[in-house]
Amino acid sequence: MQTNVSPLMTPKEVATYLRLSIATVYAKKCRGEFPKGSTVKLFGKLLFKRDKIEQLIEDSTEPSF
């Protein structure tokens, strides 16, 4: 992880990072498709834990041949 990077991401940042639309990020959140404990509601705003999103990518990576 880079230094000076927030441990929390907005839905827009997650959408950009995962190359999804913001609507898809919200839909996946509502369907429970993000890892347990990956979202935080802080001051009425939905935020995502960067380490959990990065782990999601790591866990989804297919082994190389």
PDB file of N, CA and C in Angstrom:
ATOM      1  N   MET A   1       0.848  -1.183   0.000  1.00  0.00           N
ATOM      2  CA  MET A   1       0.000   0.000   0.000  1.00  0.00           C
ATOM      3  C   MET A   1       0.891   1.242   0.000  1.00  0.00           C
ATOM      4  N   GLN A   2       0.469   2.249  -0.697  1.00  0.00           N
ATOM      5  CA  GLN A   2       1.229   3.486  -0.795  1.00  0.00           C
ATOM      6  C   GLN A   2       1.108   4.287   0.501  1.00  0.00           C
ATOM      7  N   THR A   3       2.120   5.118   0.771  1.00  0.00           N
ATOM      8  CA  THR A   3       2.027   6.003   1.927  1.00  0.00           C
ATOM      9  C   THR A   3       1.161   7.200   1.550  1.00  0.00           C
ATOM     10  N   ASN A   4       0.632   7.869   2.554  1.00  0.00           N
ATOM     11  CA  ASN A   4      -0.223   9.039   2.357  1.00  0.00           C
ATOM     12  C   ASN A   4      -1.504   8.720   1.599  1.00  0.00           C
ATOM     13  N   VAL A   5      -1.943   7.477   1.649  1.00  0.00           N
ATOM     14  CA  VAL A   5      -3.187   7.080   1.018  1.00  0.00           C
ATOM     15  C   VAL A   5      -4.170   6.751   2.135  1.00  0.00           C
ATOM     16  N   SER A   6      -5.364   7.293   2.037  1.00  0.00           N
ATOM     17  CA  SER A   6      -6.367   7.061   3.058  1.00  0.00           C
ATOM     18  C   SER A   6      -6.737   5.579   3.128  1.00  0.00           C
ATOM     19  N   PRO A   7      -6.935   5.065   4.340  1.00  0.00           N
ATOM     20  CA  PRO A   7      -7.368   3.675   4.463  1.00  0.00           C
ATOM     21  C   PRO A   7      -8.835   3.480   4.076  1.00  0.00           C
ATOM     22  N   LEU A   8      -9.543   4.591   3.845  1.00  0.00           N
ATOM     23  CA  LEU A   8     -10.951   4.515   3.448  1.00  0.00           C
ATOM     24  C   LEU A   8     -11.127   5.073   2.044  1.00  0.00           C
ATOM     25  N   MET A   9     -12.053   4.472   1.305  1.00  0.00           N
ATOM     26  CA  MET A   9     -12.333   4.885  -0.076  1.00  0.00           C
ATOM     27  C   MET A   9     -13.817   5.226  -0.213  1.00  0.00           C
ATOM     28  N   THR A  10     -14.119   6.211  -1.024  1.00  0.00           N
ATOM     29  CA  THR A  10     -15.509   6.538  -1.341  1.00  0.00           C
ATOM     30  C   THR A  10     -16.027   5.538  -2.370  1.00  0.00           C
ATOM     31  N   PRO A  11     -17.343   5.445  -2.523  1.00  0.00           N
ATOM     32  CA  PRO A  11     -17.878   4.576  -3.575  1.00  0.00           C
ATOM     33  C   PRO A  11     -17.336   4.941  -4.965  1.00  0.00           C
ATOM     34  N   LYS A  12     -17.140   6.228  -5.214  1.00  0.00           N
ATOM     35  CA  LYS A  12     -16.596   6.655  -6.506  1.00  0.00           C
ATOM     36  C   LYS A  12     -15.167   6.141  -6.695  1.00  0.00           C
ATOM     37  N   GLU A  13     -14.361   6.221  -5.638  1.00  0.00           N
ATOM     38  CA  GLU A  13     -12.991   5.717  -5.716  1.00  0.00           C
ATOM     39  C   GLU A  13     -12.971   4.208  -5.946  1.00  0.00           C
ATOM     40  N   VAL A  14     -13.864   3.485  -5.267  1.00  0.00           N
ATOM     41  CA  VAL A  14     -13.957   2.035  -5.453  1.00  0.00           C
ATOM     42  C   VAL A  14     -14.378   1.723  -6.889  1.00  0.00           C
ATOM     43  N   ALA A  15     -15.346   2.463  -7.392  1.00  0.00           N
ATOM     44  CA  ALA A  15     -15.797   2.253  -8.763  1.00  0.00           C
ATOM     45  C   ALA A  15     -14.656   2.461  -9.754  1.00  0.00           C
ATOM     46  N   THR A  16     -13.899   3.515  -9.570  1.00  0.00           N
ATOM     47  CA  THR A  16     -12.762   3.787 -10.444  1.00  0.00           C
ATOM     48  C   THR A  16     -11.710   2.691 -10.312  1.00  0.00           C
ATOM     49  N   TYR A  17     -11.394   2.320  -9.093  1.00  0.00           N
ATOM     50  CA  TYR A  17     -10.375   1.316  -8.810  1.00  0.00           C
ATOM     51  C   TYR A  17     -10.741  -0.037  -9.425  1.00  0.00           C
ATOM     52  N   LEU A  18     -12.019  -0.417  -9.327  1.00  0.00           N
ATOM     53  CA  LEU A  18     -12.472  -1.715  -9.842  1.00  0.00           C
ATOM     54  C   LEU A  18     -12.991  -1.637 -11.274  1.00  0.00           C
ATOM     55  N   ARG A  19     -12.976  -0.428 -11.837  1.00  0.00           N
ATOM     56  CA  ARG A  19     -13.485  -0.192 -13.199  1.00  0.00           C
ATOM     57  C   ARG A  19     -14.942  -0.634 -13.340  1.00  0.00           C
ATOM     58  N   LEU A  20     -15.741  -0.170 -12.380  1.00  0.00           N
ATOM     59  CA  LEU A  20     -17.181  -0.411 -12.360  1.00  0.00           C
ATOM     60  C   LEU A  20     -17.888   0.934 -12.313  1.00  0.00           C
ATOM     61  N   SER A  21     -19.176   0.925 -12.598  1.00  0.00           N
ATOM     62  CA  SER A  21     -19.953   2.148 -12.419  1.00  0.00           C
ATOM     63  C   SER A  21     -20.267   2.303 -10.929  1.00  0.00           C
ATOM     64  N   ILE A  22     -20.566   3.514 -10.526  1.00  0.00           N
ATOM     65  CA  ILE A  22     -20.936   3.755  -9.132  1.00  0.00           C
ATOM     66  C   ILE A  22     -22.214   2.982  -8.793  1.00  0.00           C
ATOM     67  N   ALA A  23     -23.144   2.928  -9.732  1.00  0.00           N
ATOM     68  CA  ALA A  23     -24.395   2.185  -9.513  1.00  0.00           C
ATOM     69  C   ALA A  23     -24.104   0.708  -9.254  1.00  0.00           C
ATOM     70  N   THR A  24     -23.141   0.139  -9.965  1.00  0.00           N
ATOM     71  CA  THR A  24     -22.780  -1.266  -9.762  1.00  0.00           C
ATOM     72  C   THR A  24     -22.169  -1.469  -8.385  1.00  0.00           C
ATOM     73  N   VAL A  25     -21.351  -0.535  -7.932  1.00  0.00           N
ATOM     74  CA  VAL A  25     -20.758  -0.621  -6.591  1.00  0.00           C
ATOM     75  C   VAL A  25     -21.864  -0.639  -5.539  1.00  0.00           C
ATOM     76  N   TYR A  26     -22.824   0.272  -5.643  1.00  0.00           N
ATOM     77  CA  TYR A  26     -23.933   0.303  -4.685  1.00  0.00           C
ATOM     78  C   TYR A  26     -24.773  -0.972  -4.771  1.00  0.00           C
ATOM     79  N   ALA A  27     -25.024  -1.465  -5.979  1.00  0.00           N
ATOM     80  CA  ALA A  27     -25.816  -2.684  -6.140  1.00  0.00           C
ATOM     81  C   ALA A  27     -25.102  -3.878  -5.510  1.00  0.00           C
ATOM     82  N   LYS A  28     -23.805  -3.980  -5.742  1.00  0.00           N
ATOM     83  CA  LYS A  28     -23.032  -5.075  -5.156  1.00  0.00           C
ATOM     84  C   LYS A  28     -22.993  -4.962  -3.634  1.00  0.00           C
ATOM     85  N   LYS A  29     -22.940  -3.753  -3.114  1.00  0.00           N
ATOM     86  CA  LYS A  29     -22.981  -3.540  -1.670  1.00  0.00           C
ATOM     87  C   LYS A  29     -24.320  -4.019  -1.118  1.00  0.00           C
ATOM     88  N   CYS A  30     -25.409  -3.657  -1.779  1.00  0.00           N
ATOM     89  CA  CYS A  30     -26.748  -4.049  -1.321  1.00  0.00           C
ATOM     90  C   CYS A  30     -26.958  -5.557  -1.383  1.00  0.00           C
ATOM     91  N   ARG A  31     -26.333  -6.209  -2.367  1.00  0.00           N
ATOM     92  CA  ARG A  31     -26.458  -7.664  -2.513  1.00  0.00           C
ATOM     93  C   ARG A  31     -25.466  -8.425  -1.630  1.00  0.00           C
ATOM     94  N   GLY A  32     -24.622  -7.700  -0.913  1.00  0.00           N
ATOM     95  CA  GLY A  32     -23.666  -8.342  -0.016  1.00  0.00           C
ATOM     96  C   GLY A  32     -22.499  -8.992  -0.733  1.00  0.00           C
ATOM     97  N   GLU A  33     -22.130  -8.467  -1.892  1.00  0.00           N
ATOM     98  CA  GLU A  33     -21.064  -9.061  -2.688  1.00  0.00           C
ATOM     99  C   GLU A  33     -19.666  -8.572  -2.308  1.00  0.00           C
ATOM    100  N   PHE A  34     -19.573  -7.600  -1.432  1.00  0.00           N
ATOM    101  CA  PHE A  34     -18.275  -7.178  -0.935  1.00  0.00           C
ATOM    102  C   PHE A  34     -17.966  -7.994   0.317  1.00  0.00           C
ATOM    103  N   PRO A  35     -16.683  -8.191   0.628  1.00  0.00           N
ATOM    104  CA  PRO A  35     -16.327  -8.980   1.812  1.00  0.00           C
ATOM    105  C   PRO A  35     -16.923  -8.398   3.084  1.00  0.00           C
ATOM    106  N   LYS A  36     -17.226  -9.288   4.007  1.00  0.00           N
ATOM    107  CA  LYS A  36     -17.765  -8.871   5.297  1.00  0.00           C
ATOM    108  C   LYS A  36     -16.772  -7.923   5.967  1.00  0.00           C
ATOM    109  N   GLY A  37     -17.257  -6.828   6.492  1.00  0.00           N
ATOM    110  CA  GLY A  37     -16.417  -5.860   7.181  1.00  0.00           C
ATOM    111  C   GLY A  37     -15.696  -4.896   6.263  1.00  0.00           C
ATOM    112  N   SER A  38     -16.072  -4.878   4.981  1.00  0.00           N
ATOM    113  CA  SER A  38     -15.368  -4.001   4.039  1.00  0.00           C
ATOM    114  C   SER A  38     -15.983  -2.611   3.938  1.00  0.00           C
ATOM    115  N   THR A  39     -17.175  -2.438   4.498  1.00  0.00           N
ATOM    116  CA  THR A  39     -17.818  -1.125   4.415  1.00  0.00           C
ATOM    117  C   THR A  39     -17.992  -0.518   5.804  1.00  0.00           C
ATOM    118  N   VAL A  40     -17.999   0.805   5.818  1.00  0.00           N
ATOM    119  CA  VAL A  40     -18.149   1.574   7.050  1.00  0.00           C
ATOM    120  C   VAL A  40     -19.132   2.695   6.762  1.00  0.00           C
ATOM    121  N   LYS A  41     -20.028   2.946   7.687  1.00  0.00           N
ATOM    122  CA  LYS A  41     -20.912   4.101   7.591  1.00  0.00           C
ATOM    123  C   LYS A  41     -20.397   5.109   8.605  1.00  0.00           C
ATOM    124  N   LEU A  42     -19.810   6.197   8.113  1.00  0.00           N
ATOM    125  CA  LEU A  42     -19.191   7.186   8.983  1.00  0.00           C
ATOM    126  C   LEU A  42     -19.795   8.547   8.706  1.00  0.00           C
ATOM    127  N   PHE A  43     -20.391   9.147   9.703  1.00  0.00           N
ATOM    128  CA  PHE A  43     -21.054  10.446   9.561  1.00  0.00           C
ATOM    129  C   PHE A  43     -22.076  10.432   8.426  1.00  0.00           C
ATOM    130  N   GLY A  44     -22.783   9.305   8.290  1.00  0.00           N
ATOM    131  CA  GLY A  44     -23.824   9.183   7.274  1.00  0.00           C
ATOM    132  C   GLY A  44     -23.316   8.900   5.875  1.00  0.00           C
ATOM    133  N   LYS A  45     -22.004   8.673   5.714  1.00  0.00           N
ATOM    134  CA  LYS A  45     -21.437   8.404   4.396  1.00  0.00           C
ATOM    135  C   LYS A  45     -20.941   6.963   4.330  1.00  0.00           C
ATOM    136  N   LEU A  46     -21.184   6.339   3.196  1.00  0.00           N
ATOM    137  CA  LEU A  46     -20.698   4.986   2.954  1.00  0.00           C
ATOM    138  C   LEU A  46     -19.245   5.054   2.510  1.00  0.00           C
ATOM    139  N   LEU A  47     -18.395   4.316   3.194  1.00  0.00           N
ATOM    140  CA  LEU A  47     -16.977   4.249   2.844  1.00  0.00           C
ATOM    141  C   LEU A  47     -16.549   2.785   2.818  1.00  0.00           C
ATOM    142  N   PHE A  48     -15.496   2.511   2.090  1.00  0.00           N
ATOM    143  CA  PHE A  48     -14.977   1.157   1.962  1.00  0.00           C
ATOM    144  C   PHE A  48     -13.560   1.109   2.517  1.00  0.00           C
ATOM    145  N   LYS A  49     -13.215   0.026   3.201  1.00  0.00           N
ATOM    146  CA  LYS A  49     -11.867  -0.154   3.723  1.00  0.00           C
ATOM    147  C   LYS A  49     -10.956  -0.582   2.567  1.00  0.00           C
ATOM    148  N   ARG A  50      -9.927   0.225   2.324  1.00  0.00           N
ATOM    149  CA  ARG A  50      -9.021  -0.024   1.206  1.00  0.00           C
ATOM    150  C   ARG A  50      -8.386  -1.416   1.290  1.00  0.00           C
ATOM    151  N   ASP A  51      -7.953  -1.828   2.478  1.00  0.00           N
ATOM    152  CA  ASP A  51      -7.292  -3.130   2.592  1.00  0.00           C
ATOM    153  C   ASP A  51      -8.217  -4.280   2.236  1.00  0.00           C
ATOM    154  N   LYS A  52      -9.509  -4.148   2.532  1.00  0.00           N
ATOM    155  CA  LYS A  52     -10.477  -5.195   2.194  1.00  0.00           C
ATOM    156  C   LYS A  52     -10.726  -5.237   0.679  1.00  0.00           C
ATOM    157  N   ILE A  53     -10.748  -4.070   0.036  1.00  0.00           N
ATOM    158  CA  ILE A  53     -10.937  -4.021  -1.420  1.00  0.00           C
ATOM    159  C   ILE A  53      -9.705  -4.602  -2.106  1.00  0.00           C
ATOM    160  N   GLU A  54      -8.516  -4.266  -1.610  1.00  0.00           N
ATOM    161  CA  GLU A  54      -7.294  -4.827  -2.180  1.00  0.00           C
ATOM    162  C   GLU A  54      -7.234  -6.339  -1.965  1.00  0.00           C
ATOM    163  N   GLN A  55      -7.708  -6.808  -0.803  1.00  0.00           N
ATOM    164  CA  GLN A  55      -7.743  -8.256  -0.540  1.00  0.00           C
ATOM    165  C   GLN A  55      -8.744  -8.946  -1.463  1.00  0.00           C
ATOM    166  N   LEU A  56      -9.861  -8.289  -1.754  1.00  0.00           N
ATOM    167  CA  LEU A  56     -10.846  -8.825  -2.698  1.00  0.00           C
ATOM    168  C   LEU A  56     -10.190  -9.085  -4.052  1.00  0.00           C
ATOM    169  N   ILE A  57      -9.384  -8.144  -4.502  1.00  0.00           N
ATOM    170  CA  ILE A  57      -8.681  -8.309  -5.780  1.00  0.00           C
ATOM    171  C   ILE A  57      -7.687  -9.458  -5.684  1.00  0.00           C
ATOM    172  N   GLU A  58      -6.933  -9.492  -4.603  1.00  0.00           N
ATOM    173  CA  GLU A  58      -5.942 -10.553  -4.423  1.00  0.00           C
ATOM    174  C   GLU A  58      -6.602 -11.936  -4.415  1.00  0.00           C
ATOM    175  N   ASP A  59      -7.721 -12.052  -3.701  1.00  0.00           N
ATOM    176  CA  ASP A  59      -8.437 -13.322  -3.616  1.00  0.00           C
ATOM    177  C   ASP A  59      -9.076 -13.732  -4.933  1.00  0.00           C
ATOM    178  N   SER A  60      -9.335 -12.769  -5.792  1.00  0.00           N
ATOM    179  CA  SER A  60      -9.989 -13.039  -7.079  1.00  0.00           C
ATOM    180  C   SER A  60      -8.996 -13.295  -8.204  1.00  0.00           C
ATOM    181  N   THR A  61      -7.718 -13.111  -7.926  1.00  0.00           N
ATOM    182  CA  THR A  61      -6.701 -13.286  -8.965  1.00  0.00           C
ATOM    183  C   THR A  61      -6.530 -14.761  -9.276  1.00  0.00           C
ATOM    184  N   GLU A  62      -6.615 -15.077 -10.569  1.00  0.00           N
ATOM    185  CA  GLU A  62      -6.437 -16.469 -10.996  1.00  0.00           C
ATOM    186  C   GLU A  62      -4.953 -16.799 -11.041  1.00  0.00           C
ATOM    187  N   PRO A  63      -4.611 -18.039 -10.715  1.00  0.00           N
ATOM    188  CA  PRO A  63      -3.196 -18.414 -10.787  1.00  0.00           C
ATOM    189  C   PRO A  63      -2.693 -18.365 -12.233  1.00  0.00           C
ATOM    190  N   SER A  64      -1.431 -18.003 -12.388  1.00  0.00           N
ATOM    191  CA  SER A  64      -0.864 -17.952 -13.742  1.00  0.00           C
ATOM    192  C   SER A  64      -0.528 -19.368 -14.185  1.00  0.00           C
ATOM    193  N   PHE A  65      -0.484 -19.539 -15.480  1.00  0.00           N
ATOM    194  CA  PHE A  65      -0.203 -20.877 -16.036  1.00  0.00           C
ATOM    195  C   PHE A  65       1.256 -21.069 -16.279  1.00  0.00           C
TER     196      PHE A  65
END
